[in-house]
Amino acid sequence: MQRIRNGIAAAIVAATAAAPAAAQPGFPPAPVVVNSGDTAWILTASALVLLMTLPGLALFYGGLVRTKNFLSVVMQCFGICCLVSILWVAIGYSLVFSEGGAFIGGTGLAMLSGLGEVFPGTTIPESSFVLFQMTFAIITPALMVGAWVERARFGWVMVFTALWLLVVYVPVAHWIWGGGWLAALGALDFAGGIVVHTTAGVSALVIALLLGRRDGFPKKLIPPHGAALTMTGAALLWVGWFGFNGGSGLVADFGAGAAILNTHVAASTAALTWAAIEKMRFGKSTGIGVATGVIAGLATITPAANVVGPGGAMLLGLLAGIICFAAVGLIKRRFAIDDSLDVFAVHGIGGMFGAAMLAILMAEGLGGTGYAAGVTMASQLVSQLTAIGAVALWSLFATAGLAWITGIVFPMRATPEQEQEGLDLSQHGEKAWDWE
């Protein structure tokens, strides 16, 4: 995504330079050039990122809950996908990417009126860029579902998601990807370690604290009902992540291939690391552990996939497995916070760690792409830490305020009787599995 900001500036400069010539007789306007290869890749990448939410995340989270709550998880993923898609077209895209200020974009592209033939600085139609960015906006709030499974009301989820998208995700995306104040500071976030994983992870932790623990947690074991579903969902997320990271350069070139390669080796390393830790700690490596390790590696490499080398990607995967594993234990056992499916420990911690480490691992001496002119490792690290801190604080306070306000009108939590019955029946009047 970093090339978007640079591309916008370059397009403005190019247009200014070409204006005198274009204004003279005999000088036709420069043709709009759309590259069919780049466009085809971004459309494919968009489908892959949507695959991450539907069905990837739905299956990954659904397998981790009890049978009586599986359908509610899938319904929330479906509902969030539909709701965010409409909001993105109506106003979200405009507030992120249209001309505005340092903190929020304008309304000039509301309802996608006035889209350009080509998105500035790229060779793809702006409509394709809108679609690609929409899939990012969809999966970000969907990640938070893992924090409130088995106890949040469907109506509250929908209302909260709508407000959260506009108050948290949209401003942060503008700050970094839309040419806002963090972009001006030089903060880098290739595919969403800050914009996606930090916002969702920190917000998930806030919701888990406000919503309270599930009945019996942490003393009572609440086992997942479908490890095979979870591993299948993780596999779909893994494949979909190639579009998530590989498409973020917005071109089908060597950079896309490098980003996908880094993504794959980071996930592989983190999965093996998690399995090894489980073997040493508990005597067995579990399928759910391997799946969680994969996601930890993917979240951690996301902000840095375009600037580190394969060695740096493997190091990030190794550290992601260790750090995220420790974070899960710390949050659930030490602090007894029921972030049910480890959204903060895996996505939040992984995304923030990867966003900080890219400042170090992008050094040419460590196999990275090197720094921009006038930028040093220290100055880049300051920019990264500033962005991480600002986004985490905004996510924390904004989420707490939104949850409190929406909870006044729409109760956040289901009643004890509804939770006992299961959200599938109490919220939707259906069963995911009819085994009786």
Protein backbone atom coordinates (compact mmCIF):
# COMPACT_ATOMS: atom_id res chain seq x y z
CA MET A 1 0.00 0.00 0.00
CA GLN A 2 2.94 2.33 0.50
CA ARG A 3 3.27 2.82 -3.26
CA ILE A 4 -0.28 4.22 -3.31
CA ARG A 5 0.74 7.36 -1.43
CA ASN A 6 3.84 7.77 -3.56
CA GLY A 7 1.82 7.08 -6.70
CA ILE A 8 -0.71 9.78 -5.91
CA ALA A 9 2.05 12.34 -5.46
CA ALA A 10 3.80 11.21 -8.64
CA ALA A 11 0.57 11.41 -10.61
CA ILE A 12 -0.04 14.96 -9.43
CA VAL A 13 3.48 16.00 -10.40
CA ALA A 14 3.17 14.31 -13.80
CA ALA A 15 -0.18 15.92 -14.49
CA THR A 16 1.18 19.34 -13.59
CA ALA A 17 4.18 18.92 -15.85
CA ALA A 18 2.09 17.74 -18.76
CA ALA A 19 -0.57 20.44 -18.46
CA PRO A 20 1.10 23.14 -20.64
CA ALA A 21 1.71 20.72 -23.49
CA ALA A 22 -1.77 19.29 -23.32
CA ALA A 23 -3.30 22.75 -23.44
CA GLN A 24 -1.62 23.60 -26.77
CA PRO A 25 -3.24 22.72 -30.11
CA GLY A 26 -1.87 19.56 -31.61
CA PHE A 27 -1.11 17.95 -28.26
CA PRO A 28 -3.86 15.42 -27.43
CA PRO A 29 -4.31 14.42 -23.80
CA ALA A 30 -2.22 11.49 -22.65
CA PRO A 31 -4.16 8.25 -23.00
CA VAL A 32 -5.31 6.37 -19.91
CA VAL A 33 -3.32 3.15 -19.78
CA VAL A 34 -4.85 0.09 -18.12
CA ASN A 35 -2.63 -2.96 -17.83
CA SER A 36 -4.74 -6.07 -18.32
CA GLY A 37 -2.24 -8.28 -16.45
CA ASP A 38 -2.15 -6.06 -13.38
CA THR A 39 -5.93 -5.70 -13.46
CA ALA A 40 -6.50 -9.43 -13.73
CA TRP A 41 -4.17 -10.04 -10.79
CA ILE A 42 -5.91 -7.49 -8.56
CA LEU A 43 -9.32 -8.93 -9.38
CA THR A 44 -7.97 -12.38 -8.52
CA ALA A 45 -6.38 -11.05 -5.34
CA SER A 46 -9.71 -9.48 -4.37
CA ALA A 47 -11.41 -12.85 -4.69
CA LEU A 48 -8.67 -14.44 -2.58
CA VAL A 49 -9.06 -11.85 0.20
CA LEU A 50 -12.84 -12.30 0.23
CA LEU A 51 -12.16 -16.04 0.49
CA MET A 52 -10.36 -15.29 3.74
CA THR A 53 -13.59 -14.12 5.36
CA LEU A 54 -16.03 -16.35 3.49
CA PRO A 55 -15.49 -19.21 4.06
CA GLY A 56 -12.00 -19.11 5.63
CA LEU A 57 -12.56 -17.12 8.81
CA ALA A 58 -16.09 -18.51 9.25
CA LEU A 59 -14.75 -22.07 9.32
CA PHE A 60 -11.65 -21.22 11.35
CA TYR A 61 -13.66 -19.52 14.10
CA GLY A 62 -16.67 -21.82 13.76
CA GLY A 63 -14.66 -24.93 14.48
CA LEU A 64 -13.31 -23.39 17.69
CA VAL A 65 -16.72 -22.84 19.32
CA ARG A 66 -19.23 -25.34 20.66
CA THR A 67 -21.68 -27.02 18.30
CA LYS A 68 -24.61 -24.91 19.49
CA ASN A 69 -22.84 -21.68 18.42
CA PHE A 70 -21.32 -22.61 15.06
CA LEU A 71 -24.08 -21.11 12.92
CA SER A 72 -23.96 -17.83 14.86
CA VAL A 73 -20.29 -17.39 13.96
CA VAL A 74 -20.97 -18.02 10.27
CA MET A 75 -23.95 -15.66 10.37
CA GLN A 76 -21.86 -12.88 11.89
CA CYS A 77 -19.20 -13.28 9.19
CA PHE A 78 -21.89 -13.18 6.49
CA GLY A 79 -23.64 -10.20 8.08
CA ILE A 80 -20.43 -8.21 8.48
CA CYS A 81 -19.44 -8.92 4.87
CA CYS A 82 -22.75 -7.62 3.52
CA LEU A 83 -22.94 -4.61 5.82
CA VAL A 84 -19.37 -3.43 5.25
CA SER A 85 -19.71 -3.83 1.48
CA ILE A 86 -22.65 -1.40 1.43
CA LEU A 87 -20.99 1.10 3.76
CA TRP A 88 -17.76 0.98 1.77
CA VAL A 89 -19.52 1.89 -1.46
CA ALA A 90 -21.72 4.53 0.19
CA ILE A 91 -19.05 6.52 2.05
CA GLY A 92 -16.16 4.41 3.39
CA TYR A 93 -13.99 4.42 0.27
CA SER A 94 -14.43 8.16 -0.18
CA LEU A 95 -13.46 8.95 3.42
CA VAL A 96 -10.26 6.93 3.05
CA PHE A 97 -9.03 7.71 -0.46
CA SER A 98 -10.62 10.94 -1.70
CA GLU A 99 -8.96 14.30 -1.21
CA GLY A 100 -9.30 15.51 2.36
CA GLY A 101 -7.23 16.43 5.38
CA ALA A 102 -4.57 14.77 7.48
CA PHE A 103 -7.09 12.85 9.58
CA ILE A 104 -9.95 11.98 7.24
CA GLY A 105 -10.72 12.05 3.54
CA GLY A 106 -13.54 13.89 1.84
CA THR A 107 -16.97 12.93 0.53
CA GLY A 108 -16.26 13.60 -3.13
CA LEU A 109 -16.39 9.91 -4.05
CA ALA A 110 -19.48 9.02 -2.00
CA MET A 111 -21.51 6.29 -3.71
CA LEU A 112 -18.44 5.97 -5.94
CA SER A 113 -19.50 8.87 -8.11
CA GLY A 114 -16.64 10.39 -10.06
CA LEU A 115 -14.29 7.41 -10.00
CA GLY A 116 -11.31 7.75 -12.31
CA GLU A 117 -10.59 5.34 -15.14
CA VAL A 118 -7.29 4.47 -13.50
CA PHE A 119 -6.37 4.79 -9.84
CA PRO A 120 -3.55 7.38 -9.56
CA GLY A 121 -0.08 5.91 -9.69
CA THR A 122 -1.28 2.51 -10.90
CA THR A 123 -2.27 0.74 -14.10
CA ILE A 124 -5.56 -0.68 -12.77
CA PRO A 125 -9.09 0.75 -13.01
CA GLU A 126 -10.16 2.59 -9.88
CA SER A 127 -13.18 0.32 -9.65
CA SER A 128 -10.81 -2.64 -9.24
CA PHE A 129 -8.95 -0.77 -6.52
CA VAL A 130 -12.27 -0.06 -4.76
CA LEU A 131 -13.08 -3.78 -4.80
CA PHE A 132 -9.66 -4.81 -3.51
CA GLN A 133 -9.82 -2.33 -0.65
CA MET A 134 -13.39 -3.38 0.15
CA THR A 135 -12.22 -6.91 0.94
CA PHE A 136 -9.75 -5.50 3.48
CA ALA A 137 -12.50 -3.45 5.09
CA ILE A 138 -14.63 -6.61 5.32
CA ILE A 139 -12.14 -8.89 7.02
CA THR A 140 -10.94 -6.37 9.61
CA PRO A 141 -14.12 -6.19 11.74
CA ALA A 142 -14.79 -9.86 10.99
CA LEU A 143 -11.57 -10.71 12.83
CA MET A 144 -13.10 -9.29 16.01
CA VAL A 145 -15.84 -11.93 15.97
CA GLY A 146 -13.36 -14.25 17.68
CA ALA A 147 -13.40 -12.08 20.80
CA TRP A 148 -17.15 -12.18 21.44
CA VAL A 149 -18.23 -15.62 20.18
CA GLU A 150 -20.85 -17.56 22.15
CA ARG A 151 -22.21 -14.52 24.00
CA ALA A 152 -22.72 -11.40 21.80
CA ARG A 153 -26.17 -10.64 20.34
CA PHE A 154 -26.37 -10.55 16.55
CA GLY A 155 -28.16 -7.16 16.49
CA TRP A 156 -25.50 -5.52 18.62
CA VAL A 157 -22.75 -7.00 16.43
CA MET A 158 -24.23 -5.43 13.32
CA VAL A 159 -24.79 -1.97 14.83
CA PHE A 160 -21.38 -1.91 16.50
CA THR A 161 -19.62 -3.07 13.31
CA ALA A 162 -21.18 -0.28 11.25
CA LEU A 163 -20.04 2.41 13.68
CA TRP A 164 -16.64 0.81 14.27
CA LEU A 165 -15.90 0.72 10.55
CA LEU A 166 -16.57 4.45 10.18
CA VAL A 167 -14.99 5.61 13.45
CA VAL A 168 -11.96 3.31 13.76
CA TYR A 169 -11.06 1.55 10.51
CA VAL A 170 -11.78 4.35 8.03
CA PRO A 171 -9.72 7.07 9.78
CA VAL A 172 -6.78 4.73 10.42
CA ALA A 173 -6.78 3.54 6.81
CA HIS A 174 -6.71 7.18 5.71
CA TRP A 175 -3.88 8.02 8.10
CA ILE A 176 -1.61 5.39 6.57
CA TRP A 177 -2.93 4.37 3.13
CA GLY A 178 -4.82 7.50 2.14
CA GLY A 179 -1.97 9.98 2.53
CA GLY A 180 -2.85 11.04 6.08
CA TRP A 181 -0.67 12.21 8.93
CA LEU A 182 1.02 8.87 9.68
CA ALA A 183 1.95 8.46 6.03
CA ALA A 184 3.49 11.94 6.17
CA LEU A 185 5.59 10.76 9.13
CA GLY A 186 6.95 7.94 6.99
CA ALA A 187 5.13 5.04 8.67
CA LEU A 188 5.04 1.87 6.54
CA ASP A 189 2.34 -0.78 6.53
CA PHE A 190 2.37 -2.80 3.36
CA ALA A 191 -0.79 -4.86 3.76
CA GLY A 192 -2.33 -4.15 7.15
CA GLY A 193 -0.25 -5.02 10.21
CA ILE A 194 -1.35 -1.69 11.65
CA VAL A 195 -4.49 -0.82 9.67
CA VAL A 196 -6.03 -4.30 9.93
CA HIS A 197 -4.44 -6.35 12.71
CA THR A 198 -3.67 -3.65 15.26
CA THR A 199 -7.12 -2.05 15.03
CA ALA A 200 -8.94 -5.40 15.17
CA GLY A 201 -6.67 -6.89 17.83
CA VAL A 202 -6.81 -3.99 20.28
CA SER A 203 -10.54 -3.49 19.74
CA ALA A 204 -11.16 -7.21 20.31
CA LEU A 205 -9.38 -7.03 23.66
CA VAL A 206 -11.54 -4.08 24.71
CA ILE A 207 -14.75 -5.89 23.75
CA ALA A 208 -13.69 -9.05 25.58
CA LEU A 209 -13.17 -7.03 28.74
CA LEU A 210 -16.46 -5.16 28.43
CA LEU A 211 -18.52 -8.20 27.48
CA GLY A 212 -17.22 -10.39 30.27
CA ARG A 213 -16.24 -14.04 30.42
CA ARG A 214 -18.20 -17.00 29.20
CA ASP A 215 -19.83 -19.08 31.91
CA GLY A 216 -17.18 -21.27 33.53
CA PHE A 217 -14.16 -19.52 32.02
CA PRO A 218 -11.30 -19.97 32.90
CA LYS A 219 -11.87 -22.85 35.33
CA LYS A 220 -14.13 -24.88 33.07
CA LEU A 221 -12.70 -26.36 29.87
CA ILE A 222 -14.60 -25.10 26.80
CA PRO A 223 -13.35 -27.39 24.02
CA PRO A 224 -13.80 -26.62 20.31
CA HIS A 225 -16.25 -28.86 18.50
CA GLY A 226 -14.51 -29.16 15.12
CA ALA A 227 -10.73 -29.16 14.86
CA ALA A 228 -11.00 -30.32 11.25
CA LEU A 229 -13.18 -27.30 10.41
CA THR A 230 -10.64 -25.00 12.06
CA MET A 231 -7.74 -26.47 10.12
CA THR A 232 -9.72 -26.23 6.87
CA GLY A 233 -10.48 -22.58 7.64
CA ALA A 234 -6.82 -21.93 8.40
CA ALA A 235 -5.85 -23.51 5.07
CA LEU A 236 -8.27 -21.21 3.24
CA LEU A 237 -6.91 -18.21 5.14
CA TRP A 238 -3.37 -19.23 4.22
CA VAL A 239 -4.16 -19.42 0.51
CA GLY A 240 -6.26 -16.25 0.61
CA TRP A 241 -3.40 -14.40 2.29
CA PHE A 242 -1.46 -14.65 -0.97
CA GLY A 243 -3.95 -12.16 -2.39
CA PHE A 244 -3.89 -10.12 0.81
CA ASN A 245 -0.13 -9.55 0.69
CA GLY A 246 0.69 -10.36 -2.92
CA GLY A 247 -1.94 -7.97 -4.24
CA SER A 248 -1.00 -5.03 -2.05
CA GLY A 249 1.68 -3.84 -4.45
CA LEU A 250 -1.13 -3.42 -7.03
CA VAL A 251 0.99 -4.87 -9.83
CA ALA A 252 1.76 -8.36 -11.12
CA ASP A 253 5.54 -8.19 -10.97
CA PHE A 254 8.56 -9.57 -9.11
CA GLY A 255 7.46 -7.67 -5.99
CA ALA A 256 4.19 -9.59 -5.85
CA GLY A 257 6.07 -12.85 -6.11
CA ALA A 258 8.51 -11.82 -3.38
CA ALA A 259 5.67 -10.79 -1.07
CA ILE A 260 3.90 -14.13 -1.57
CA LEU A 261 7.13 -16.07 -1.01
CA ASN A 262 7.80 -14.18 2.21
CA THR A 263 4.22 -14.74 3.33
CA HIS A 264 4.47 -18.47 2.77
CA VAL A 265 7.78 -19.07 4.50
CA ALA A 266 6.79 -16.93 7.50
CA ALA A 267 3.57 -18.93 7.95
CA SER A 268 5.42 -22.23 7.57
CA THR A 269 8.08 -21.27 10.10
CA ALA A 270 5.54 -20.02 12.65
CA ALA A 271 3.45 -23.20 12.32
CA LEU A 272 6.45 -25.45 12.96
CA THR A 273 7.57 -23.24 15.85
CA TRP A 274 4.14 -23.47 17.49
CA ALA A 275 4.07 -27.24 17.02
CA ALA A 276 7.54 -27.57 18.57
CA ILE A 277 6.58 -25.47 21.60
CA GLU A 278 3.44 -27.55 22.15
CA LYS A 279 5.47 -30.74 21.93
CA MET A 280 7.94 -29.49 24.53
CA ARG A 281 5.25 -28.08 26.83
CA PHE A 282 2.45 -30.64 26.56
CA GLY A 283 3.99 -33.69 24.90
CA LYS A 284 1.85 -33.40 21.75
CA SER A 285 1.53 -31.05 18.79
CA THR A 286 -2.10 -30.25 18.02
CA GLY A 287 -3.85 -29.40 14.77
CA ILE A 288 -5.41 -26.32 16.31
CA GLY A 289 -1.98 -25.24 17.52
CA VAL A 290 -0.48 -25.57 14.05
CA ALA A 291 -3.43 -23.65 12.56
CA THR A 292 -3.00 -20.88 15.13
CA GLY A 293 0.73 -20.74 14.42
CA VAL A 294 0.03 -20.31 10.72
CA ILE A 295 -2.22 -17.32 11.42
CA ALA A 296 0.37 -15.81 13.78
CA GLY A 297 3.03 -16.00 11.08
CA LEU A 298 0.72 -14.54 8.47
CA ALA A 299 -0.33 -11.61 10.65
CA THR A 300 3.27 -10.83 11.57
CA ILE A 301 4.68 -10.82 8.03
CA THR A 302 1.79 -8.77 6.62
CA PRO A 303 3.17 -5.24 7.24
CA ALA A 304 6.67 -6.20 6.10
CA ALA A 305 6.13 -8.65 3.23
CA ASN A 306 7.47 -6.24 0.59
CA VAL A 307 10.58 -4.98 2.38
CA VAL A 308 12.20 -8.03 4.03
CA GLY A 309 14.10 -10.88 2.45
CA PRO A 310 13.22 -14.58 2.81
CA GLY A 311 15.61 -14.85 5.76
CA GLY A 312 13.88 -11.95 7.48
CA ALA A 313 10.52 -13.57 6.77
CA MET A 314 11.62 -16.82 8.39
CA LEU A 315 12.94 -14.92 11.41
CA LEU A 316 9.62 -13.10 11.74
CA GLY A 317 7.80 -16.43 11.54
CA LEU A 318 10.00 -17.94 14.24
CA LEU A 319 9.54 -14.98 16.58
CA ALA A 320 5.81 -14.82 15.82
CA GLY A 321 5.38 -18.42 16.92
CA ILE A 322 7.21 -17.80 20.19
CA ILE A 323 5.74 -14.40 21.06
CA CYS A 324 2.13 -15.11 20.08
CA PHE A 325 2.18 -18.45 21.91
CA ALA A 326 3.37 -16.68 25.04
CA ALA A 327 0.75 -13.95 24.58
CA VAL A 328 -2.08 -16.50 24.42
CA GLY A 329 -1.01 -18.00 27.73
CA LEU A 330 -0.49 -14.63 29.35
CA ILE A 331 -3.88 -13.22 28.38
CA LYS A 332 -5.97 -16.31 29.06
CA ARG A 333 -4.21 -17.85 32.06
CA ARG A 334 -2.40 -15.00 33.77
CA PHE A 335 -4.99 -12.26 33.27
CA ALA A 336 -8.02 -14.54 32.71
CA ILE A 337 -9.32 -12.36 29.86
CA ASP A 338 -11.78 -14.27 27.70
CA ASP A 339 -10.57 -13.11 24.28
CA SER A 340 -12.13 -16.38 23.24
CA LEU A 341 -10.29 -17.12 19.99
CA ASP A 342 -7.09 -15.15 20.70
CA VAL A 343 -7.70 -12.20 18.40
CA PHE A 344 -5.45 -9.83 20.35
CA ALA A 345 -2.76 -12.39 21.17
CA VAL A 346 -2.39 -13.55 17.57
CA HIS A 347 -3.55 -10.75 15.29
CA GLY A 348 -2.91 -7.75 17.52
CA ILE A 349 0.46 -8.82 18.93
CA GLY A 350 1.59 -10.30 15.63
CA GLY A 351 0.61 -7.26 13.57
CA MET A 352 2.22 -4.77 15.94
CA PHE A 353 5.39 -6.84 16.29
CA GLY A 354 5.77 -7.21 12.53
CA ALA A 355 5.15 -3.50 11.96
CA ALA A 356 7.92 -2.63 14.40
CA MET A 357 10.41 -5.26 13.21
CA LEU A 358 10.19 -4.17 9.58
CA ALA A 359 12.18 -1.07 10.52
CA ILE A 360 15.09 -3.36 11.39
CA LEU A 361 14.74 -6.20 8.88
CA MET A 362 14.37 -3.94 5.85
CA ALA A 363 18.07 -3.04 6.17
CA GLU A 364 20.03 -4.14 3.10
CA GLY A 365 22.61 -5.81 5.31
CA LEU A 366 19.86 -8.07 6.64
CA GLY A 367 18.51 -8.93 3.19
CA GLY A 368 15.86 -6.22 3.02
CA THR A 369 15.13 -3.65 0.37
CA GLY A 370 16.86 -0.80 2.20
CA TYR A 371 15.63 2.58 3.40
CA ALA A 372 14.37 5.58 1.50
CA ALA A 373 16.73 8.51 0.99
CA GLY A 374 17.39 10.29 4.28
CA VAL A 375 15.82 7.51 6.36
CA THR A 376 17.78 5.45 8.87
CA MET A 377 16.90 2.38 10.88
CA ALA A 378 16.38 4.53 13.97
CA SER A 379 14.17 7.10 12.26
CA GLN A 380 12.08 4.39 10.59
CA LEU A 381 11.65 2.63 13.93
CA VAL A 382 10.43 5.87 15.52
CA SER A 383 7.89 6.28 12.71
CA GLN A 384 6.69 2.71 13.13
CA LEU A 385 6.35 2.92 16.91
CA THR A 386 4.53 6.24 16.62
CA ALA A 387 2.02 4.74 14.20
CA ILE A 388 1.52 1.60 16.29
CA GLY A 389 1.01 3.60 19.48
CA ALA A 390 -1.36 6.13 17.92
CA VAL A 391 -3.49 3.48 16.23
CA ALA A 392 -3.61 1.28 19.32
CA LEU A 393 -4.72 4.17 21.53
CA TRP A 394 -7.34 5.35 19.03
CA SER A 395 -8.68 1.81 18.68
CA LEU A 396 -8.83 1.37 22.45
CA PHE A 397 -10.69 4.55 23.36
CA ALA A 398 -12.93 4.71 20.29
CA THR A 399 -13.97 1.07 20.67
CA ALA A 400 -14.73 1.47 24.36
CA GLY A 401 -16.89 4.52 23.63
CA LEU A 402 -18.74 2.88 20.74
CA ALA A 403 -19.38 -0.32 22.68
CA TRP A 404 -20.77 1.62 25.64
CA ILE A 405 -23.00 3.82 23.49
CA THR A 406 -24.40 0.99 21.37
CA GLY A 407 -24.86 -1.18 24.44
CA ILE A 408 -27.31 1.34 25.89
CA VAL A 409 -29.76 0.83 23.03
CA PHE A 410 -28.80 -2.67 21.85
CA PRO A 411 -27.77 -5.02 24.67
CA MET A 412 -24.33 -6.45 23.95
CA ARG A 413 -24.67 -9.80 25.63
CA ALA A 414 -27.22 -12.56 25.32
CA THR A 415 -29.05 -13.62 28.46
CA PRO A 416 -27.73 -16.59 30.48
CA GLU A 417 -30.67 -18.65 29.23
CA GLN A 418 -29.88 -17.78 25.61
CA GLU A 419 -26.22 -18.66 26.09
CA GLN A 420 -27.17 -21.97 27.67
CA GLU A 421 -29.46 -22.77 24.76
CA GLY A 422 -26.84 -21.64 22.25
CA LEU A 423 -26.81 -18.64 19.96
CA ASP A 424 -27.75 -20.70 16.92
CA LEU A 425 -31.24 -21.28 18.26
CA SER A 426 -31.69 -18.23 20.46
CA GLN A 427 -30.49 -15.69 17.88
CA HIS A 428 -31.35 -17.37 14.57
CA GLY A 429 -33.87 -20.12 15.27
CA GLU A 430 -31.77 -22.74 13.49
CA LYS A 431 -29.23 -25.45 14.24
CA ALA A 432 -25.95 -25.75 12.42
CA TRP A 433 -25.97 -29.52 12.82
CA ASP A 434 -29.10 -31.62 13.22
CA TRP A 435 -27.61 -34.71 14.84
CA GLU A 436 -30.51 -35.56 17.13
